[in-house]
Amino acid sequence: MEKTLFILIGPHAVGKMTVGQELAKMTGLRLFHNHMSIELALKLFDHGDNEWHILNETIRRTVFELYAKGDFPGLIFTYMCAFDMQSDINYLLDVIRLFEENGSKCCVVELCADFDERIIRNRSENRLKHKESKRNLAWSEAEMRKNSEKYRLNSFEGECLPFKNYMKIDNTNLSPEETARMIQRRFMGEG
């Protein structure tokens, strides 16, 4: 298997981590979901503090460099991208560049789902198990609503995005396994 970076993007509770868990089972790649660094940083600093940002980004950058330059088959990373913020697109392109410069194939998968379905998923046992900061459901749902109004968390249909290997999946009515299988078939020709 060619060394591969999968980046799963989409709004809150769309299923990035859960699909990533299934994709990890199918491919043998490790999953580095965005809350792995977020939750650690939150144990030491308040969200949004400069120190929180520094620690969160330092963890991510270190993991990316180790996997991009190391003898690993690849990595799965999840990220909530604001499509109306060029800095978020540039961040993804920077991560992709690091992996491509080190011989990796990079694949971006955008997930989208109906808001009501995402509210249900926000309460799922798996999500709450792995994302301690989401356990305050009132706060978490308010944050989902606020960010969904403030940012564009999915691309427009037909929007030209700067990713070579890209697909968009509406997983409102798909299981995580079905979604991961679609990704695997598209980019690895397996399944």
Protein backbone atom coordinates (compact mmCIF):
# COMPACT_ATOMS: atom_id res chain seq x y z
CA MET A 1 0.00 0.00 0.00
CA GLU A 2 1.24 3.45 -0.92
CA LYS A 3 1.87 5.76 2.04
CA THR A 4 -1.38 7.70 2.42
CA LEU A 5 -2.69 10.64 4.42
CA PHE A 6 -6.47 10.84 4.73
CA ILE A 7 -7.91 14.12 5.98
CA LEU A 8 -11.58 13.90 6.94
CA ILE A 9 -13.23 17.31 7.10
CA GLY A 10 -16.72 18.53 7.88
CA PRO A 11 -18.81 20.25 10.56
CA HIS A 12 -19.35 19.26 14.20
CA ALA A 13 -20.73 15.76 14.79
CA VAL A 14 -20.83 14.85 11.11
CA GLY A 15 -18.96 11.64 11.89
CA LYS A 16 -15.34 12.44 11.08
CA MET A 17 -13.90 10.53 14.04
CA THR A 18 -16.31 7.59 13.76
CA VAL A 19 -15.73 7.20 10.02
CA GLY A 20 -12.00 7.57 10.73
CA GLN A 21 -12.20 4.74 13.27
CA GLU A 22 -13.79 2.47 10.65
CA LEU A 23 -11.30 3.54 7.98
CA ALA A 24 -8.48 2.77 10.42
CA LYS A 25 -9.84 -0.76 10.91
CA MET A 26 -10.04 -1.28 7.14
CA THR A 27 -6.62 0.16 6.26
CA GLY A 28 -4.48 -0.44 9.34
CA LEU A 29 -3.65 3.29 9.46
CA ARG A 30 -3.63 5.14 12.77
CA LEU A 31 -6.34 7.71 13.49
CA PHE A 32 -5.30 11.11 14.84
CA HIS A 33 -8.66 12.79 15.41
CA ASN A 34 -8.59 16.52 16.10
CA HIS A 35 -9.79 16.17 19.69
CA MET A 36 -6.76 14.11 20.68
CA SER A 37 -4.72 17.32 20.79
CA ILE A 38 -7.63 19.58 21.77
CA GLU A 39 -8.51 17.59 24.90
CA LEU A 40 -4.91 17.42 26.12
CA ALA A 41 -4.44 21.17 25.63
CA LEU A 42 -7.73 21.83 27.49
CA LYS A 43 -6.40 19.97 30.53
CA LEU A 44 -3.65 22.57 30.83
CA PHE A 45 -5.02 25.81 29.35
CA ASP A 46 -8.35 27.48 28.63
CA HIS A 47 -9.72 27.08 25.11
CA GLY A 48 -8.71 30.02 22.99
CA ASP A 49 -5.81 31.14 25.18
CA ASN A 50 -2.59 31.72 23.29
CA GLU A 51 -0.92 28.89 25.25
CA TRP A 52 -3.77 26.55 24.31
CA HIS A 53 -3.27 27.34 20.61
CA ILE A 54 0.49 26.88 20.86
CA LEU A 55 0.22 23.49 22.59
CA ASN A 56 -2.57 22.21 20.30
CA GLU A 57 -0.64 23.17 17.16
CA THR A 58 2.70 21.90 18.53
CA ILE A 59 1.19 18.48 19.20
CA ARG A 60 -0.35 18.32 15.73
CA ARG A 61 2.75 19.54 13.94
CA THR A 62 4.94 17.03 15.77
CA VAL A 63 2.62 14.13 14.91
CA PHE A 64 2.45 15.23 11.26
CA GLU A 65 6.25 15.49 10.97
CA LEU A 66 6.84 12.12 12.62
CA TYR A 67 4.34 10.37 10.36
CA ALA A 68 5.26 12.20 7.17
CA LYS A 69 9.00 11.59 7.58
CA GLY A 70 8.86 8.26 9.41
CA ASP A 71 8.48 4.71 8.23
CA PHE A 72 4.70 4.56 8.63
CA PRO A 73 2.06 3.54 6.08
CA GLY A 74 0.19 6.79 6.60
CA LEU A 75 -2.26 8.56 8.88
CA ILE A 76 -5.91 9.54 9.17
CA PHE A 77 -6.54 13.08 10.50
CA THR A 78 -9.85 14.83 11.19
CA TYR A 79 -10.38 18.57 10.99
CA MET A 80 -13.28 21.01 11.04
CA CYS A 81 -12.56 23.35 8.16
CA ALA A 82 -14.20 26.74 7.74
CA PHE A 83 -14.42 27.03 3.96
CA ASP A 84 -14.87 30.79 4.20
CA MET A 85 -11.53 31.18 5.99
CA GLN A 86 -8.53 30.97 3.68
CA SER A 87 -6.33 30.29 6.71
CA ASP A 88 -8.11 26.94 7.24
CA ILE A 89 -7.63 25.94 3.59
CA ASN A 90 -3.98 27.04 3.81
CA TYR A 91 -3.54 24.94 6.97
CA LEU A 92 -4.74 21.83 5.15
CA LEU A 93 -2.57 22.60 2.13
CA ASP A 94 0.44 22.97 4.45
CA VAL A 95 -0.21 19.55 6.03
CA ILE A 96 -0.70 18.03 2.58
CA ARG A 97 2.52 19.61 1.31
CA LEU A 98 4.49 18.13 4.22
CA PHE A 99 3.20 14.63 3.46
CA GLU A 100 3.54 14.93 -0.32
CA GLU A 101 7.14 16.15 0.00
CA ASN A 102 7.78 12.92 1.87
CA GLY A 103 6.21 10.64 -0.73
CA SER A 104 2.64 10.32 0.53
CA LYS A 105 -0.59 10.26 -1.41
CA CYS A 106 -2.98 12.73 0.22
CA CYS A 107 -6.76 12.34 0.12
CA VAL A 108 -9.31 14.84 1.44
CA VAL A 109 -12.79 13.58 2.24
CA GLU A 110 -15.50 16.08 3.08
CA LEU A 111 -18.46 14.77 5.05
CA CYS A 112 -21.81 16.49 5.24
CA ALA A 113 -25.05 15.54 7.00
CA ASP A 114 -28.34 17.17 7.95
CA PHE A 115 -28.15 19.36 11.04
CA ASP A 116 -30.82 17.37 12.91
CA GLU A 117 -28.85 14.17 12.34
CA ARG A 118 -25.70 15.87 13.60
CA ILE A 119 -27.52 16.92 16.79
CA ILE A 120 -28.35 13.24 17.38
CA ARG A 121 -24.76 12.20 16.66
CA ASN A 122 -23.48 14.88 19.04
CA ARG A 123 -25.01 12.83 21.86
CA SER A 124 -23.58 9.47 20.78
CA GLU A 125 -21.77 7.30 23.30
CA ASN A 126 -18.68 7.00 21.07
CA ARG A 127 -18.37 10.78 20.64
CA LEU A 128 -18.75 11.48 24.34
CA LYS A 129 -16.29 8.72 25.24
CA HIS A 130 -13.50 10.23 23.12
CA LYS A 131 -14.30 13.95 23.43
CA GLU A 132 -14.51 14.95 27.07
CA SER A 133 -15.20 18.61 26.26
CA LYS A 134 -18.38 17.63 24.37
CA ARG A 135 -20.00 15.99 27.42
CA ASN A 136 -21.70 19.24 28.41
CA LEU A 137 -24.44 18.75 25.83
CA ALA A 138 -26.13 22.12 26.28
CA TRP A 139 -22.83 23.91 25.67
CA SER A 140 -21.87 21.57 22.82
CA GLU A 141 -25.17 22.02 20.96
CA ALA A 142 -25.04 25.79 21.45
CA GLU A 143 -21.48 25.76 20.06
CA MET A 144 -22.65 23.72 17.05
CA ARG A 145 -25.42 26.23 16.31
CA LYS A 146 -23.16 29.26 16.83
CA ASN A 147 -20.35 27.95 14.61
CA SER A 148 -22.76 26.74 11.93
CA GLU A 149 -24.12 30.28 11.69
CA LYS A 150 -20.72 31.97 11.91
CA TYR A 151 -18.72 29.77 9.48
CA ARG A 152 -19.33 27.85 6.27
CA LEU A 153 -18.42 24.34 7.39
CA ASN A 154 -19.18 22.57 4.11
CA SER A 155 -18.22 23.45 0.57
CA PHE A 156 -20.75 24.63 -1.98
CA GLU A 157 -21.91 22.05 -4.51
CA GLY A 158 -19.47 22.13 -7.43
CA GLU A 159 -17.07 24.47 -5.62
CA CYS A 160 -13.54 24.26 -6.99
CA LEU A 161 -11.30 23.19 -4.12
CA PRO A 162 -7.48 23.01 -4.23
CA PHE A 163 -7.23 19.31 -3.36
CA LYS A 164 -5.98 16.75 -5.93
CA ASN A 165 -7.60 13.69 -4.38
CA TYR A 166 -10.96 14.82 -3.04
CA MET A 167 -14.45 13.46 -2.54
CA LYS A 168 -17.57 14.69 -0.78
CA ILE A 169 -19.99 12.30 0.90
CA ASP A 170 -23.41 13.07 2.36
CA ASN A 171 -23.43 10.51 5.16
CA THR A 172 -26.77 11.51 6.68
CA ASN A 173 -28.20 8.06 5.93
CA LEU A 174 -24.98 6.04 5.77
CA SER A 175 -23.35 4.02 8.51
CA PRO A 176 -19.74 4.83 9.41
CA GLU A 177 -18.75 1.46 7.88
CA GLU A 178 -20.50 2.25 4.58
CA THR A 179 -18.88 5.67 4.43
CA ALA A 180 -15.40 4.29 5.19
CA ARG A 181 -15.87 1.58 2.56
CA MET A 182 -16.72 4.26 -0.05
CA ILE A 183 -13.51 6.10 0.85
CA GLN A 184 -11.44 2.93 0.70
CA ARG A 185 -12.87 1.95 -2.71
CA ARG A 186 -12.35 5.44 -4.16
CA PHE A 187 -8.78 5.97 -3.07
CA MET A 188 -7.38 2.50 -2.54
CA GLY A 189 -9.43 0.42 -4.97
CA GLU A 190 -10.28 -2.05 -2.22
CA GLY A 191 -13.44 -3.20 -0.53
